[in-house]
Structure formats: C-alpha cells, structure tokens
N, C-alpha and C. Protein backbone atom coordinates (compact mmCIF):
# COMPACT_ATOMS: atom_id res chain seq x y z
N MET A 1 1.93 3.07 -27.71
CA MET A 1 1.64 4.14 -26.78
C MET A 1 0.32 3.85 -26.07
N ALA A 2 0.30 4.01 -24.76
CA ALA A 2 -0.89 3.74 -23.96
C ALA A 2 -1.95 4.79 -24.27
N PRO A 3 -3.24 4.38 -24.23
CA PRO A 3 -4.31 5.34 -24.50
C PRO A 3 -4.51 6.34 -23.37
N GLY A 4 -3.85 6.16 -22.24
CA GLY A 4 -3.98 7.11 -21.15
C GLY A 4 -3.48 6.55 -19.84
N ARG A 5 -3.25 7.47 -18.90
CA ARG A 5 -2.83 7.07 -17.56
C ARG A 5 -4.01 7.23 -16.62
N ILE A 6 -4.21 6.22 -15.78
CA ILE A 6 -5.35 6.21 -14.87
C ILE A 6 -4.86 5.99 -13.45
N LEU A 7 -5.38 6.79 -12.53
CA LEU A 7 -5.14 6.59 -11.11
C LEU A 7 -6.41 5.98 -10.52
N ILE A 8 -6.26 4.86 -9.82
CA ILE A 8 -7.38 4.22 -9.13
C ILE A 8 -7.15 4.37 -7.63
N ALA A 9 -8.15 4.86 -6.91
CA ALA A 9 -8.07 4.97 -5.45
C ALA A 9 -9.24 4.18 -4.85
N ASP A 10 -8.92 3.04 -4.27
CA ASP A 10 -9.93 2.19 -3.65
C ASP A 10 -9.22 1.31 -2.63
N ASP A 11 -9.78 1.19 -1.44
CA ASP A 11 -9.13 0.38 -0.41
C ASP A 11 -9.51 -1.09 -0.46
N ASP A 12 -10.32 -1.48 -1.45
CA ASP A 12 -10.66 -2.89 -1.66
C ASP A 12 -9.59 -3.47 -2.59
N ASN A 13 -8.61 -4.15 -2.02
CA ASN A 13 -7.47 -4.64 -2.77
C ASN A 13 -7.87 -5.58 -3.91
N ARG A 14 -8.84 -6.45 -3.67
CA ARG A 14 -9.27 -7.38 -4.73
C ARG A 14 -9.86 -6.64 -5.92
N LEU A 15 -10.71 -5.67 -5.64
CA LEU A 15 -11.32 -4.89 -6.72
C LEU A 15 -10.25 -4.08 -7.46
N THR A 16 -9.36 -3.46 -6.70
CA THR A 16 -8.30 -2.67 -7.32
C THR A 16 -7.44 -3.53 -8.25
N GLN A 17 -7.08 -4.73 -7.80
CA GLN A 17 -6.28 -5.62 -8.64
C GLN A 17 -7.03 -6.02 -9.91
N LEU A 18 -8.30 -6.35 -9.77
CA LEU A 18 -9.12 -6.74 -10.93
C LEU A 18 -9.23 -5.60 -11.94
N VAL A 19 -9.58 -4.42 -11.45
CA VAL A 19 -9.73 -3.25 -12.33
C VAL A 19 -8.39 -2.88 -12.96
N SER A 20 -7.33 -2.91 -12.17
CA SER A 20 -6.00 -2.58 -12.70
C SER A 20 -5.59 -3.53 -13.81
N ARG A 21 -5.78 -4.82 -13.59
CA ARG A 21 -5.43 -5.81 -14.63
C ARG A 21 -6.25 -5.59 -15.89
N PHE A 22 -7.55 -5.39 -15.72
CA PHE A 22 -8.43 -5.16 -16.87
C PHE A 22 -7.98 -3.94 -17.67
N LEU A 23 -7.78 -2.82 -16.98
CA LEU A 23 -7.41 -1.59 -17.68
C LEU A 23 -6.02 -1.68 -18.30
N THR A 24 -5.11 -2.40 -17.65
CA THR A 24 -3.78 -2.63 -18.23
C THR A 24 -3.91 -3.44 -19.51
N MET A 25 -4.76 -4.47 -19.49
CA MET A 25 -4.99 -5.28 -20.70
C MET A 25 -5.62 -4.44 -21.81
N GLU A 26 -6.36 -3.40 -21.44
CA GLU A 26 -6.97 -2.50 -22.42
C GLU A 26 -5.97 -1.47 -22.94
N GLY A 27 -4.74 -1.48 -22.38
CA GLY A 27 -3.69 -0.61 -22.88
C GLY A 27 -3.41 0.61 -22.03
N TYR A 28 -4.11 0.77 -20.92
CA TYR A 28 -3.89 1.93 -20.06
C TYR A 28 -2.72 1.70 -19.11
N GLU A 29 -2.07 2.78 -18.73
CA GLU A 29 -1.06 2.76 -17.68
C GLU A 29 -1.81 3.06 -16.38
N VAL A 30 -1.70 2.17 -15.39
CA VAL A 30 -2.51 2.27 -14.19
C VAL A 30 -1.64 2.39 -12.94
N GLU A 31 -2.03 3.30 -12.06
CA GLU A 31 -1.45 3.41 -10.73
C GLU A 31 -2.58 3.25 -9.74
N ALA A 32 -2.38 2.46 -8.70
CA ALA A 32 -3.41 2.23 -7.70
C ALA A 32 -2.94 2.65 -6.31
N VAL A 33 -3.83 3.30 -5.58
CA VAL A 33 -3.58 3.68 -4.19
C VAL A 33 -4.82 3.30 -3.39
N ALA A 34 -4.67 3.24 -2.06
CA ALA A 34 -5.78 2.78 -1.22
C ALA A 34 -6.32 3.84 -0.28
N ASP A 35 -5.96 5.10 -0.50
CA ASP A 35 -6.30 6.16 0.43
C ASP A 35 -6.64 7.42 -0.35
N GLY A 36 -7.69 8.11 0.05
CA GLY A 36 -8.12 9.31 -0.65
C GLY A 36 -7.12 10.46 -0.60
N LEU A 37 -6.47 10.63 0.53
CA LEU A 37 -5.48 11.69 0.65
C LEU A 37 -4.27 11.42 -0.25
N VAL A 38 -3.84 10.17 -0.29
CA VAL A 38 -2.75 9.78 -1.18
C VAL A 38 -3.17 9.99 -2.64
N ALA A 39 -4.41 9.69 -2.95
CA ALA A 39 -4.91 9.88 -4.32
C ALA A 39 -4.80 11.34 -4.75
N VAL A 40 -5.23 12.25 -3.89
CA VAL A 40 -5.15 13.67 -4.22
C VAL A 40 -3.69 14.08 -4.43
N ASP A 41 -2.80 13.61 -3.57
CA ASP A 41 -1.38 13.92 -3.71
C ASP A 41 -0.83 13.39 -5.03
N ARG A 42 -1.19 12.15 -5.40
CA ARG A 42 -0.69 11.55 -6.65
C ARG A 42 -1.26 12.26 -7.87
N VAL A 43 -2.53 12.63 -7.84
CA VAL A 43 -3.13 13.36 -8.97
C VAL A 43 -2.41 14.69 -9.15
N THR A 44 -2.09 15.35 -8.04
CA THR A 44 -1.41 16.64 -8.10
C THR A 44 0.02 16.49 -8.61
N ALA A 45 0.71 15.46 -8.15
CA ALA A 45 2.12 15.26 -8.51
C ALA A 45 2.30 14.76 -9.94
N ASN A 46 1.37 13.97 -10.43
CA ASN A 46 1.51 13.34 -11.74
C ASN A 46 0.11 13.25 -12.37
N VAL A 47 -0.35 14.35 -12.94
CA VAL A 47 -1.73 14.48 -13.41
C VAL A 47 -2.09 13.35 -14.39
N PRO A 48 -3.09 12.52 -14.02
CA PRO A 48 -3.50 11.42 -14.89
C PRO A 48 -4.52 11.88 -15.93
N ASP A 49 -4.84 10.98 -16.86
CA ASP A 49 -5.88 11.26 -17.84
C ASP A 49 -7.26 10.94 -17.28
N LEU A 50 -7.30 10.18 -16.18
CA LEU A 50 -8.56 9.83 -15.52
C LEU A 50 -8.25 9.43 -14.09
N ALA A 51 -9.07 9.88 -13.15
CA ALA A 51 -8.98 9.44 -11.76
C ALA A 51 -10.24 8.65 -11.43
N ILE A 52 -10.07 7.46 -10.87
CA ILE A 52 -11.19 6.63 -10.42
C ILE A 52 -11.12 6.60 -8.90
N LEU A 53 -12.17 7.07 -8.25
CA LEU A 53 -12.18 7.19 -6.79
C LEU A 53 -13.35 6.40 -6.21
N ASP A 54 -13.06 5.60 -5.19
CA ASP A 54 -14.12 4.94 -4.44
C ASP A 54 -14.66 5.93 -3.42
N ILE A 55 -15.93 5.85 -3.12
CA ILE A 55 -16.48 6.77 -2.13
C ILE A 55 -15.96 6.46 -0.74
N MET A 56 -16.01 5.20 -0.34
CA MET A 56 -15.63 4.85 1.03
C MET A 56 -14.19 4.35 1.08
N MET A 57 -13.29 5.21 1.58
CA MET A 57 -11.88 4.83 1.76
C MET A 57 -11.27 5.71 2.84
N PRO A 58 -10.14 5.28 3.38
CA PRO A 58 -9.50 6.05 4.45
C PRO A 58 -8.84 7.34 3.95
N GLY A 59 -8.45 8.16 4.89
CA GLY A 59 -7.80 9.44 4.55
C GLY A 59 -8.86 10.45 4.20
N LEU A 60 -9.26 10.46 2.97
CA LEU A 60 -10.39 11.25 2.48
C LEU A 60 -11.32 10.28 1.76
N ASP A 61 -12.62 10.50 1.87
CA ASP A 61 -13.51 9.67 1.06
C ASP A 61 -13.48 10.19 -0.38
N GLY A 62 -14.07 9.45 -1.28
CA GLY A 62 -14.02 9.81 -2.70
C GLY A 62 -14.66 11.14 -3.02
N ILE A 63 -15.71 11.51 -2.28
CA ILE A 63 -16.37 12.80 -2.50
C ILE A 63 -15.42 13.94 -2.11
N GLN A 64 -14.78 13.81 -0.96
CA GLN A 64 -13.84 14.84 -0.51
C GLN A 64 -12.65 14.92 -1.47
N ALA A 65 -12.14 13.77 -1.89
CA ALA A 65 -11.01 13.74 -2.82
C ALA A 65 -11.40 14.39 -4.15
N CYS A 66 -12.59 14.08 -4.64
CA CYS A 66 -13.08 14.67 -5.89
C CYS A 66 -13.15 16.19 -5.75
N HIS A 67 -13.70 16.65 -4.65
CA HIS A 67 -13.81 18.09 -4.42
C HIS A 67 -12.44 18.76 -4.41
N ARG A 68 -11.45 18.14 -3.75
CA ARG A 68 -10.10 18.73 -3.71
C ARG A 68 -9.45 18.77 -5.09
N ILE A 69 -9.65 17.70 -5.87
CA ILE A 69 -9.09 17.66 -7.23
C ILE A 69 -9.73 18.77 -8.07
N ARG A 70 -11.03 18.94 -7.96
CA ARG A 70 -11.73 19.98 -8.71
C ARG A 70 -11.35 21.39 -8.25
N SER A 71 -10.99 21.54 -6.98
CA SER A 71 -10.66 22.86 -6.42
C SER A 71 -9.26 23.32 -6.80
N ASN A 72 -8.41 22.42 -7.27
CA ASN A 72 -7.03 22.74 -7.61
C ASN A 72 -6.97 23.15 -9.08
N PRO A 73 -6.50 24.38 -9.38
CA PRO A 73 -6.42 24.81 -10.79
C PRO A 73 -5.57 23.88 -11.67
N ALA A 74 -4.59 23.22 -11.08
CA ALA A 74 -3.72 22.34 -11.86
C ALA A 74 -4.39 21.01 -12.20
N THR A 75 -5.44 20.65 -11.47
CA THR A 75 -6.07 19.33 -11.68
C THR A 75 -7.57 19.40 -11.94
N HIS A 76 -8.12 20.59 -11.99
CA HIS A 76 -9.58 20.70 -12.06
C HIS A 76 -10.21 20.09 -13.31
N GLU A 77 -9.44 19.88 -14.36
CA GLU A 77 -10.00 19.32 -15.59
C GLU A 77 -9.82 17.80 -15.70
N VAL A 78 -9.18 17.17 -14.71
CA VAL A 78 -9.01 15.72 -14.75
C VAL A 78 -10.38 15.05 -14.67
N PRO A 79 -10.72 14.20 -15.63
CA PRO A 79 -11.99 13.48 -15.53
C PRO A 79 -11.97 12.57 -14.31
N ILE A 80 -13.11 12.50 -13.61
CA ILE A 80 -13.21 11.70 -12.39
C ILE A 80 -14.41 10.77 -12.49
N LEU A 81 -14.12 9.49 -12.24
CA LEU A 81 -15.15 8.45 -12.18
C LEU A 81 -15.22 7.99 -10.74
N ILE A 82 -16.43 7.93 -10.19
CA ILE A 82 -16.63 7.51 -8.80
C ILE A 82 -17.21 6.09 -8.79
N PHE A 83 -16.62 5.24 -7.94
CA PHE A 83 -17.17 3.92 -7.64
C PHE A 83 -17.94 4.03 -6.33
N THR A 84 -19.10 3.42 -6.25
CA THR A 84 -19.84 3.42 -5.00
C THR A 84 -20.70 2.18 -4.85
N ALA A 85 -20.85 1.76 -3.63
CA ALA A 85 -21.81 0.70 -3.29
C ALA A 85 -23.06 1.34 -2.72
N LEU A 86 -23.05 2.65 -2.53
CA LEU A 86 -24.14 3.38 -1.91
C LEU A 86 -24.96 4.12 -2.95
N SER A 87 -26.18 3.73 -3.16
CA SER A 87 -27.00 4.34 -4.21
C SER A 87 -27.30 5.82 -3.94
N GLU A 88 -27.36 6.23 -2.68
CA GLU A 88 -27.71 7.61 -2.37
C GLU A 88 -26.56 8.59 -2.58
N GLU A 89 -25.38 8.12 -2.92
CA GLU A 89 -24.22 9.00 -3.07
C GLU A 89 -24.10 9.62 -4.46
N GLY A 90 -24.95 9.27 -5.38
CA GLY A 90 -24.84 9.78 -6.75
C GLY A 90 -24.93 11.29 -6.83
N GLU A 91 -25.86 11.88 -6.11
CA GLU A 91 -26.02 13.34 -6.14
C GLU A 91 -24.81 14.03 -5.53
N ALA A 92 -24.29 13.49 -4.42
CA ALA A 92 -23.11 14.07 -3.79
C ALA A 92 -21.91 14.01 -4.73
N ALA A 93 -21.76 12.90 -5.45
CA ALA A 93 -20.66 12.76 -6.41
C ALA A 93 -20.79 13.79 -7.53
N ARG A 94 -21.99 13.96 -8.02
CA ARG A 94 -22.23 14.94 -9.08
C ARG A 94 -21.91 16.36 -8.60
N LEU A 95 -22.38 16.68 -7.39
CA LEU A 95 -22.14 18.02 -6.84
C LEU A 95 -20.66 18.27 -6.57
N ALA A 96 -19.90 17.23 -6.26
CA ALA A 96 -18.45 17.37 -6.03
C ALA A 96 -17.68 17.53 -7.34
N GLY A 97 -18.34 17.24 -8.47
CA GLY A 97 -17.70 17.44 -9.76
C GLY A 97 -17.35 16.17 -10.51
N ALA A 98 -17.86 15.02 -10.06
CA ALA A 98 -17.56 13.77 -10.76
C ALA A 98 -18.17 13.78 -12.16
N ASP A 99 -17.44 13.17 -13.09
CA ASP A 99 -17.91 13.08 -14.47
C ASP A 99 -18.71 11.82 -14.73
N GLY A 100 -18.58 10.83 -13.83
CA GLY A 100 -19.30 9.58 -13.99
C GLY A 100 -19.39 8.86 -12.67
N LEU A 101 -20.33 7.92 -12.59
CA LEU A 101 -20.55 7.15 -11.38
C LEU A 101 -20.84 5.71 -11.78
N LEU A 102 -20.14 4.76 -11.17
CA LEU A 102 -20.43 3.34 -11.39
C LEU A 102 -20.80 2.74 -10.05
N LYS A 103 -21.97 2.12 -10.01
CA LYS A 103 -22.43 1.49 -8.79
C LYS A 103 -21.91 0.06 -8.75
N LYS A 104 -21.30 -0.30 -7.60
CA LYS A 104 -20.79 -1.67 -7.40
C LYS A 104 -21.97 -2.58 -7.09
N PRO A 105 -21.96 -3.79 -7.57
CA PRO A 105 -20.99 -4.35 -8.53
C PRO A 105 -21.28 -3.87 -9.94
N PHE A 106 -20.25 -3.77 -10.75
CA PHE A 106 -20.40 -3.35 -12.14
C PHE A 106 -19.70 -4.37 -13.02
N SER A 107 -20.05 -4.37 -14.29
CA SER A 107 -19.39 -5.29 -15.22
C SER A 107 -18.15 -4.61 -15.79
N LEU A 108 -17.17 -5.42 -16.13
CA LEU A 108 -15.96 -4.87 -16.74
C LEU A 108 -16.26 -4.26 -18.11
N LEU A 109 -17.26 -4.78 -18.79
CA LEU A 109 -17.66 -4.21 -20.08
C LEU A 109 -18.13 -2.77 -19.90
N VAL A 110 -18.98 -2.54 -18.90
CA VAL A 110 -19.46 -1.19 -18.61
C VAL A 110 -18.31 -0.30 -18.15
N LEU A 111 -17.42 -0.84 -17.32
CA LEU A 111 -16.25 -0.09 -16.90
C LEU A 111 -15.43 0.35 -18.10
N GLY A 112 -15.14 -0.58 -19.00
CA GLY A 112 -14.35 -0.26 -20.18
C GLY A 112 -14.98 0.83 -21.03
N GLN A 113 -16.30 0.75 -21.24
CA GLN A 113 -17.00 1.75 -22.01
C GLN A 113 -16.94 3.12 -21.33
N THR A 114 -17.12 3.12 -20.03
CA THR A 114 -17.11 4.38 -19.27
C THR A 114 -15.71 5.01 -19.29
N VAL A 115 -14.69 4.20 -19.09
CA VAL A 115 -13.31 4.71 -19.09
C VAL A 115 -12.96 5.28 -20.46
N ARG A 116 -13.31 4.59 -21.53
CA ARG A 116 -13.02 5.10 -22.88
C ARG A 116 -13.71 6.44 -23.11
N ARG A 117 -14.94 6.58 -22.60
CA ARG A 117 -15.69 7.82 -22.77
C ARG A 117 -15.04 8.97 -21.99
N LEU A 118 -14.53 8.67 -20.79
CA LEU A 118 -14.00 9.73 -19.93
C LEU A 118 -12.53 10.04 -20.12
N CYS A 119 -11.75 9.02 -20.49
CA CYS A 119 -10.30 9.20 -20.55
C CYS A 119 -9.93 10.07 -21.74
N ARG A 120 -9.24 11.13 -21.44
CA ARG A 120 -8.90 12.08 -22.52
C ARG A 120 -7.63 11.69 -23.24
N GLY A 121 -6.95 10.60 -22.75
CA GLY A 121 -5.68 10.18 -23.34
C GLY A 121 -5.81 9.76 -24.72
C-alpha cells in the first residue's frame, strides 16, 4: 500500500519528472500537472494526501491555487507544499495557507523529509 497520493503542479517538466520518479521510488502514488487551474480541479476531483505547487506556473500561480484549495471546504485540510525560486514569496505562501516551502534548488533528501512530515497518508 502506498504511503499516500501526491499531486505535483509545476510547469518545469524536467523537475516534475525528477520529483515524480523520486516520490514514486519512495512509495507514493504521484500525479503531475503543469497548470495551477488544472491542479485545483484535480485536487477537488480526487483529494490527495499532499499537494505540491510551484509558485510560477500558467493558469493560476501556486499562491492563487493554494488559496483556492484552502477556500474549498472539501479540500481545505489538504497539506500544501510550495516550490519557489523566489525568496520573497515565502510570506505570501504562508498567508495563502501553505504548510511548507522549499526553495529551488533543493535536495531530494530534504524533499523526502518534508513530504514525509506533511503527507497524512
């Protein structure tokens, strides 16, 4: 049995593939999308144990997507991890309701530790 289902939303295909492979090897079931609006729709349709959102992506940015997930009674408790290359976005992520923030580039070891801490699966 997988330790949890994770939705990753990031428009950087190389990073998404790397993170998806790593988390799959760690035993998680992973779904990846490249658009913030699609991410919100997928979280609503199939509530994951963790949502990982990049700040800069099309449709909705990660802050807007985080806010929408938090505003929905059906998804407001989903843990959310934000990826960012922008150091000044940490406060905005926190105010939107993010449970964690990883600044790019990050190590897979730190990612694994953070996901285990946040994933309720």
